[in-house]
Amino acid sequence: MTTTSRELFDSAYRENRAPWVIGEPQPAIVALERAGWIGGAVLDPGCGAGEHTIYLTNLGYDVRGVDFSPAAVEQARENAAARGVAARFGVADALNLGTEPGFDTIVDSALFHVFGDEDRAAYVRSLHAACRQGALVHVLALSDTEPGFGPQISDTVIREAFTDGWTLEDLRPSRYRGIADAEAAARLGIEAGAPADLIAWLARVRRL
């Protein structure tokens, strides 16, 4: 991502206007954990304010949350401290997660869908490098099948991204909870600042 987009994300966190910050983990991610789909060393790329890293750490998982926005990481650390959870966070570029495969599960909540074609391909390569063989990547991404807000993608985008070196085990409709600003609220017919459960895709992909 560019410096400009990093500055935009930083300002969204510092001004408390990030619509993806809901103060709790996404219900879809909670359901994944309860169904037993998370295990081993876990990476939370694009961790934002840290809800998933904090949630999973508190349950006893070995988790690392990373974000390219220093403001996000600062907020995540503050949130973890406020809740008394010793969660680990760091500033990192999701397009370059390193070359040493160290993770058994990756939880992508609303990161995959922000990338254009070129960066998306780089991101998937980065995920592959970070995963151990047999690792699972869970992708929760906004769907283009209903009106909503934020970047929306088709199921085809997910299918075509995870081909060589991957097997797509599951792809189903889900929901992603966000906070509607005034413009989005007007489109959806809800109050500004209210939570909105938006149509999303939930994919489970295994690294070969």
C-alpha atoms as a PDB file:
ATOM      1  CA  MET A   1       0.000   0.000   0.000  1.00  0.00           C
ATOM      2  CA  THR A   2       1.100   3.557  -0.586  1.00  0.00           C
ATOM      3  CA  THR A   3       2.181   6.194   1.895  1.00  0.00           C
ATOM      4  CA  THR A   4      -1.016   8.096   1.127  1.00  0.00           C
ATOM      5  CA  SER A   5      -3.226   5.150   2.028  1.00  0.00           C
ATOM      6  CA  ARG A   6      -1.206   4.574   5.203  1.00  0.00           C
ATOM      7  CA  GLU A   7      -1.841   8.182   6.198  1.00  0.00           C
ATOM      8  CA  LEU A   8      -5.559   7.764   5.498  1.00  0.00           C
ATOM      9  CA  PHE A   9      -5.720   4.669   7.684  1.00  0.00           C
ATOM     10  CA  ASP A  10      -3.687   6.358  10.426  1.00  0.00           C
ATOM     11  CA  SER A  11      -6.058   9.328  10.475  1.00  0.00           C
ATOM     12  CA  ALA A  12      -9.109   7.029  10.569  1.00  0.00           C
ATOM     13  CA  TYR A  13      -7.765   5.388  13.730  1.00  0.00           C
ATOM     14  CA  ARG A  14      -6.619   8.580  15.389  1.00  0.00           C
ATOM     15  CA  GLU A  15      -9.950  10.298  14.709  1.00  0.00           C
ATOM     16  CA  ASN A  16     -11.977   7.239  15.767  1.00  0.00           C
ATOM     17  CA  ARG A  17     -13.880   7.039  12.484  1.00  0.00           C
ATOM     18  CA  ALA A  18     -12.821   3.626  11.178  1.00  0.00           C
ATOM     19  CA  PRO A  19     -16.091   1.847  10.288  1.00  0.00           C
ATOM     20  CA  TRP A  20     -14.496  -1.571  10.787  1.00  0.00           C
ATOM     21  CA  VAL A  21     -13.658  -0.894  14.442  1.00  0.00           C
ATOM     22  CA  ILE A  22     -16.649  -2.279  16.342  1.00  0.00           C
ATOM     23  CA  GLY A  23     -15.088  -2.856  19.762  1.00  0.00           C
ATOM     24  CA  GLU A  24     -15.424  -6.638  19.605  1.00  0.00           C
ATOM     25  CA  PRO A  25     -14.399  -9.516  17.329  1.00  0.00           C
ATOM     26  CA  GLN A  26     -16.427 -10.249  14.228  1.00  0.00           C
ATOM     27  CA  PRO A  27     -19.170 -12.806  14.964  1.00  0.00           C
ATOM     28  CA  ALA A  28     -17.987 -14.855  11.973  1.00  0.00           C
ATOM     29  CA  ILE A  29     -14.491 -15.146  13.478  1.00  0.00           C
ATOM     30  CA  VAL A  30     -15.891 -16.097  16.877  1.00  0.00           C
ATOM     31  CA  ALA A  31     -17.910 -18.835  15.169  1.00  0.00           C
ATOM     32  CA  LEU A  32     -14.790 -20.113  13.380  1.00  0.00           C
ATOM     33  CA  GLU A  33     -12.953 -20.468  16.668  1.00  0.00           C
ATOM     34  CA  ARG A  34     -15.866 -22.210  18.344  1.00  0.00           C
ATOM     35  CA  ALA A  35     -16.076 -24.645  15.440  1.00  0.00           C
ATOM     36  CA  GLY A  36     -12.425 -25.614  15.936  1.00  0.00           C
ATOM     37  CA  TRP A  37     -10.991 -24.049  12.776  1.00  0.00           C
ATOM     38  CA  ILE A  38      -8.222 -22.086  14.504  1.00  0.00           C
ATOM     39  CA  GLY A  39      -5.101 -23.689  15.926  1.00  0.00           C
ATOM     40  CA  GLY A  40      -1.337 -23.560  16.300  1.00  0.00           C
ATOM     41  CA  ALA A  41       0.532 -20.327  15.692  1.00  0.00           C
ATOM     42  CA  VAL A  42      -1.936 -17.694  14.470  1.00  0.00           C
ATOM     43  CA  LEU A  43      -1.355 -14.549  12.407  1.00  0.00           C
ATOM     44  CA  ASP A  44      -3.881 -11.701  12.287  1.00  0.00           C
ATOM     45  CA  PRO A  45      -2.788  -9.520   9.326  1.00  0.00           C
ATOM     46  CA  GLY A  46      -4.426  -6.116   9.097  1.00  0.00           C
ATOM     47  CA  CYS A  47      -5.252  -6.506  12.788  1.00  0.00           C
ATOM     48  CA  GLY A  48      -6.564  -2.957  13.124  1.00  0.00           C
ATOM     49  CA  ALA A  49      -7.617  -2.153  16.676  1.00  0.00           C
ATOM     50  CA  GLY A  50      -6.719  -5.681  17.720  1.00  0.00           C
ATOM     51  CA  GLU A  51     -10.101  -7.238  18.475  1.00  0.00           C
ATOM     52  CA  HIS A  52      -9.276 -10.669  17.041  1.00  0.00           C
ATOM     53  CA  THR A  53      -5.736 -10.867  18.388  1.00  0.00           C
ATOM     54  CA  ILE A  54      -6.965  -9.890  21.851  1.00  0.00           C
ATOM     55  CA  TYR A  55      -9.881 -12.323  21.703  1.00  0.00           C
ATOM     56  CA  LEU A  56      -7.772 -15.278  20.593  1.00  0.00           C
ATOM     57  CA  THR A  57      -4.869 -14.489  22.934  1.00  0.00           C
ATOM     58  CA  ASN A  58      -7.299 -14.379  25.838  1.00  0.00           C
ATOM     59  CA  LEU A  59      -8.466 -17.872  24.860  1.00  0.00           C
ATOM     60  CA  GLY A  60      -4.888 -19.150  25.040  1.00  0.00           C
ATOM     61  CA  TYR A  61      -3.850 -19.086  21.379  1.00  0.00           C
ATOM     62  CA  ASP A  62      -0.354 -18.121  20.241  1.00  0.00           C
ATOM     63  CA  VAL A  63      -1.277 -15.055  18.165  1.00  0.00           C
ATOM     64  CA  ARG A  64       0.529 -12.160  16.522  1.00  0.00           C
ATOM     65  CA  GLY A  65      -1.388  -9.192  15.146  1.00  0.00           C
ATOM     66  CA  VAL A  66       0.228  -6.966  12.522  1.00  0.00           C
ATOM     67  CA  ASP A  67      -0.878  -3.864  10.663  1.00  0.00           C
ATOM     68  CA  PHE A  68       0.854  -1.434   8.339  1.00  0.00           C
ATOM     69  CA  SER A  69      -0.714   1.489  10.235  1.00  0.00           C
ATOM     70  CA  PRO A  70       1.301   2.558  13.296  1.00  0.00           C
ATOM     71  CA  ALA A  71      -1.831   4.251  14.650  1.00  0.00           C
ATOM     72  CA  ALA A  72      -3.735   0.961  14.439  1.00  0.00           C
ATOM     73  CA  VAL A  73      -1.006  -0.916  16.288  1.00  0.00           C
ATOM     74  CA  GLU A  74      -0.862   1.787  18.953  1.00  0.00           C
ATOM     75  CA  GLN A  75      -4.629   1.548  19.435  1.00  0.00           C
ATOM     76  CA  ALA A  76      -4.485  -2.255  19.513  1.00  0.00           C
ATOM     77  CA  ARG A  77      -1.841  -2.207  22.236  1.00  0.00           C
ATOM     78  CA  GLU A  78      -3.890   0.260  24.262  1.00  0.00           C
ATOM     79  CA  ASN A  79      -6.986  -1.924  23.901  1.00  0.00           C
ATOM     80  CA  ALA A  80      -5.090  -5.021  25.003  1.00  0.00           C
ATOM     81  CA  ALA A  81      -3.639  -3.228  28.022  1.00  0.00           C
ATOM     82  CA  ALA A  82      -7.066  -1.905  29.003  1.00  0.00           C
ATOM     83  CA  ARG A  83      -8.426  -5.460  28.966  1.00  0.00           C
ATOM     84  CA  GLY A  84      -5.423  -6.938  30.756  1.00  0.00           C
ATOM     85  CA  VAL A  85      -4.478  -9.208  27.851  1.00  0.00           C
ATOM     86  CA  ALA A  86      -0.800  -9.724  26.948  1.00  0.00           C
ATOM     87  CA  ALA A  87      -1.423  -9.648  23.198  1.00  0.00           C
ATOM     88  CA  ARG A  88       1.441  -9.211  20.717  1.00  0.00           C
ATOM     89  CA  PHE A  89       1.302  -6.580  17.991  1.00  0.00           C
ATOM     90  CA  GLY A  90       3.721  -5.139  15.469  1.00  0.00           C
ATOM     91  CA  VAL A  91       3.883  -2.855  12.448  1.00  0.00           C
ATOM     92  CA  ALA A  92       4.334  -4.908   9.271  1.00  0.00           C
ATOM     93  CA  ASP A  93       3.477  -4.833   5.584  1.00  0.00           C
ATOM     94  CA  ALA A  94       1.025  -7.602   4.675  1.00  0.00           C
ATOM     95  CA  LEU A  95       2.557  -7.726   1.206  1.00  0.00           C
ATOM     96  CA  ASN A  96       5.865  -8.785   2.760  1.00  0.00           C
ATOM     97  CA  LEU A  97       5.260 -11.020   5.762  1.00  0.00           C
ATOM     98  CA  GLY A  98       8.675 -12.640   5.484  1.00  0.00           C
ATOM     99  CA  THR A  99      10.014 -15.817   3.945  1.00  0.00           C
ATOM    100  CA  GLU A 100      10.063 -18.083   6.994  1.00  0.00           C
ATOM    101  CA  PRO A 101       6.854 -20.150   7.212  1.00  0.00           C
ATOM    102  CA  GLY A 102       5.819 -19.892  10.835  1.00  0.00           C
ATOM    103  CA  PHE A 103       2.027 -19.878  11.012  1.00  0.00           C
ATOM    104  CA  ASP A 104      -0.586 -22.622  11.160  1.00  0.00           C
ATOM    105  CA  THR A 105      -3.632 -20.359  10.904  1.00  0.00           C
ATOM    106  CA  ILE A 106      -4.107 -16.942   9.344  1.00  0.00           C
ATOM    107  CA  VAL A 107      -7.237 -14.931  10.093  1.00  0.00           C
ATOM    108  CA  ASP A 108      -7.892 -12.239   7.496  1.00  0.00           C
ATOM    109  CA  SER A 109     -10.818 -10.069   8.534  1.00  0.00           C
ATOM    110  CA  ALA A 110     -11.517  -7.392   5.916  1.00  0.00           C
ATOM    111  CA  LEU A 111      -7.983  -7.077   4.548  1.00  0.00           C
ATOM    112  CA  PHE A 112      -8.064  -9.189   1.379  1.00  0.00           C
ATOM    113  CA  HIS A 113     -10.820  -7.095  -0.175  1.00  0.00           C
ATOM    114  CA  VAL A 114      -8.907  -3.789   0.009  1.00  0.00           C
ATOM    115  CA  PHE A 115      -6.285  -4.811  -2.565  1.00  0.00           C
ATOM    116  CA  GLY A 116      -6.318  -4.238  -6.302  1.00  0.00           C
ATOM    117  CA  ASP A 117      -5.284  -7.020  -8.669  1.00  0.00           C
ATOM    118  CA  GLU A 118      -1.504  -6.531  -8.457  1.00  0.00           C
ATOM    119  CA  ASP A 119      -1.351  -6.070  -4.697  1.00  0.00           C
ATOM    120  CA  ARG A 120      -3.803  -8.924  -4.164  1.00  0.00           C
ATOM    121  CA  ALA A 121      -1.484 -11.305  -5.993  1.00  0.00           C
ATOM    122  CA  ALA A 122       1.456 -10.055  -3.923  1.00  0.00           C
ATOM    123  CA  TYR A 123      -0.562 -10.500  -0.744  1.00  0.00           C
ATOM    124  CA  VAL A 124      -1.461 -14.101  -1.571  1.00  0.00           C
ATOM    125  CA  ARG A 125       2.216 -14.845  -2.284  1.00  0.00           C
ATOM    126  CA  SER A 126       3.089 -13.250   1.053  1.00  0.00           C
ATOM    127  CA  LEU A 127       0.518 -15.416   2.837  1.00  0.00           C
ATOM    128  CA  HIS A 128       1.914 -18.534   1.184  1.00  0.00           C
ATOM    129  CA  ALA A 129       5.419 -17.676   2.362  1.00  0.00           C
ATOM    130  CA  ALA A 130       4.208 -17.087   5.926  1.00  0.00           C
ATOM    131  CA  CYS A 131       2.207 -20.336   6.158  1.00  0.00           C
ATOM    132  CA  ARG A 132       3.489 -23.736   7.104  1.00  0.00           C
ATOM    133  CA  GLN A 133       2.463 -26.592   4.827  1.00  0.00           C
ATOM    134  CA  GLY A 134      -1.134 -27.532   5.609  1.00  0.00           C
ATOM    135  CA  ALA A 135      -1.892 -24.194   7.257  1.00  0.00           C
ATOM    136  CA  LEU A 136      -5.358 -22.679   6.977  1.00  0.00           C
ATOM    137  CA  VAL A 137      -6.147 -19.157   5.821  1.00  0.00           C
ATOM    138  CA  HIS A 138      -9.582 -17.799   6.696  1.00  0.00           C
ATOM    139  CA  VAL A 139     -10.733 -14.818   4.621  1.00  0.00           C
ATOM    140  CA  LEU A 140     -13.732 -12.704   5.642  1.00  0.00           C
ATOM    141  CA  ALA A 141     -14.350 -10.208   2.836  1.00  0.00           C
ATOM    142  CA  LEU A 142     -17.234  -7.946   1.855  1.00  0.00           C
ATOM    143  CA  SER A 143     -19.407  -9.359  -0.922  1.00  0.00           C
ATOM    144  CA  ASP A 144     -20.743  -7.506  -3.947  1.00  0.00           C
ATOM    145  CA  THR A 145     -24.022  -9.449  -3.956  1.00  0.00           C
ATOM    146  CA  GLU A 146     -25.970  -6.859  -1.905  1.00  0.00           C
ATOM    147  CA  PRO A 147     -25.787  -3.082  -1.360  1.00  0.00           C
ATOM    148  CA  GLY A 148     -23.381  -2.134   1.401  1.00  0.00           C
ATOM    149  CA  PHE A 149     -20.353   0.037   2.024  1.00  0.00           C
ATOM    150  CA  GLY A 150     -16.623  -0.439   1.800  1.00  0.00           C
ATOM    151  CA  PRO A 151     -14.712  -2.412  -0.846  1.00  0.00           C
ATOM    152  CA  GLN A 152     -16.797  -5.314  -2.148  1.00  0.00           C
ATOM    153  CA  ILE A 153     -15.640  -8.300  -4.188  1.00  0.00           C
ATOM    154  CA  SER A 154     -17.093 -11.293  -5.998  1.00  0.00           C
ATOM    155  CA  ASP A 155     -16.550 -14.925  -5.119  1.00  0.00           C
ATOM    156  CA  THR A 156     -14.642 -15.238  -8.392  1.00  0.00           C
ATOM    157  CA  VAL A 157     -11.963 -12.874  -7.093  1.00  0.00           C
ATOM    158  CA  ILE A 158     -11.343 -15.196  -4.164  1.00  0.00           C
ATOM    159  CA  ARG A 159     -11.395 -18.344  -6.277  1.00  0.00           C
ATOM    160  CA  GLU A 160      -8.937 -16.942  -8.811  1.00  0.00           C
ATOM    161  CA  ALA A 161      -6.569 -15.565  -6.163  1.00  0.00           C
ATOM    162  CA  PHE A 162      -5.996 -18.884  -4.393  1.00  0.00           C
ATOM    163  CA  THR A 163      -4.913 -21.336  -7.096  1.00  0.00           C
ATOM    164  CA  ASP A 164      -1.278 -22.449  -7.342  1.00  0.00           C
ATOM    165  CA  GLY A 165      -0.059 -23.721  -3.987  1.00  0.00           C
ATOM    166  CA  TRP A 166      -3.519 -23.598  -2.410  1.00  0.00           C
ATOM    167  CA  THR A 167      -6.750 -25.535  -2.239  1.00  0.00           C
ATOM    168  CA  LEU A 168     -10.024 -23.725  -1.584  1.00  0.00           C
ATOM    169  CA  GLU A 169     -11.840 -25.936   0.912  1.00  0.00           C
ATOM    170  CA  ASP A 170     -14.897 -23.795   1.572  1.00  0.00           C
ATOM    171  CA  LEU A 171     -16.445 -20.548   0.343  1.00  0.00           C
ATOM    172  CA  ARG A 172     -19.812 -19.452   1.665  1.00  0.00           C
ATOM    173  CA  PRO A 173     -21.905 -16.335   2.315  1.00  0.00           C
ATOM    174  CA  SER A 174     -21.384 -14.796   5.728  1.00  0.00           C
ATOM    175  CA  ARG A 175     -21.811 -11.445   7.468  1.00  0.00           C
ATOM    176  CA  TYR A 176     -19.368  -8.694   8.361  1.00  0.00           C
ATOM    177  CA  ARG A 177     -20.303  -6.169  11.041  1.00  0.00           C
ATOM    178  CA  GLY A 178     -19.348  -2.535  10.483  1.00  0.00           C
ATOM    179  CA  ILE A 179     -20.373   0.891  11.722  1.00  0.00           C
ATOM    180  CA  ALA A 180     -22.318   2.959   9.197  1.00  0.00           C
ATOM    181  CA  ASP A 181     -21.309   6.574   8.694  1.00  0.00           C
ATOM    182  CA  ALA A 182     -23.941   9.134   7.664  1.00  0.00           C
ATOM    183  CA  GLU A 183     -23.652   8.417   3.941  1.00  0.00           C
ATOM    184  CA  ALA A 184     -23.760   4.641   4.311  1.00  0.00           C
ATOM    185  CA  ALA A 185     -26.574   4.842   6.856  1.00  0.00           C
ATOM    186  CA  ALA A 186     -28.705   6.867   4.456  1.00  0.00           C
ATOM    187  CA  ARG A 187     -28.226   4.251   1.736  1.00  0.00           C
ATOM    188  CA  LEU A 188     -29.058   1.386   4.076  1.00  0.00           C
ATOM    189  CA  GLY A 189     -31.946   3.104   5.846  1.00  0.00           C
ATOM    190  CA  ILE A 190     -30.405   2.935   9.321  1.00  0.00           C
ATOM    191  CA  GLU A 191     -29.138   5.480  11.841  1.00  0.00           C
ATOM    192  CA  ALA A 192     -25.641   6.899  11.445  1.00  0.00           C
ATOM    193  CA  GLY A 193     -23.265   5.213  13.861  1.00  0.00           C
ATOM    194  CA  ALA A 194     -25.390   2.083  14.049  1.00  0.00           C
ATOM    195  CA  PRO A 195     -23.875  -1.357  13.456  1.00  0.00           C
ATOM    196  CA  ALA A 196     -24.677  -2.970  10.125  1.00  0.00           C
ATOM    197  CA  ASP A 197     -24.267  -6.654   9.325  1.00  0.00           C
ATOM    198  CA  LEU A 198     -23.145  -6.615   5.700  1.00  0.00           C
ATOM    199  CA  ILE A 199     -23.133  -9.524   3.288  1.00  0.00           C
ATOM    200  CA  ALA A 200     -19.675 -11.066   3.070  1.00  0.00           C
ATOM    201  CA  TRP A 201     -17.743 -14.087   1.879  1.00  0.00           C
ATOM    202  CA  LEU A 202     -16.063 -16.475   4.283  1.00  0.00           C
ATOM    203  CA  ALA A 203     -13.383 -18.607   2.655  1.00  0.00           C
ATOM    204  CA  ARG A 204     -11.248 -21.391   4.081  1.00  0.00           C
ATOM    205  CA  VAL A 205      -8.094 -22.022   2.091  1.00  0.00           C
ATOM    206  CA  ARG A 206      -5.372 -24.582   2.795  1.00  0.00           C
ATOM    207  CA  ARG A 207      -1.715 -24.106   1.874  1.00  0.00           C
ATOM    208  CA  LEU A 208      -0.332 -27.062  -0.045  1.00  0.00           C
END
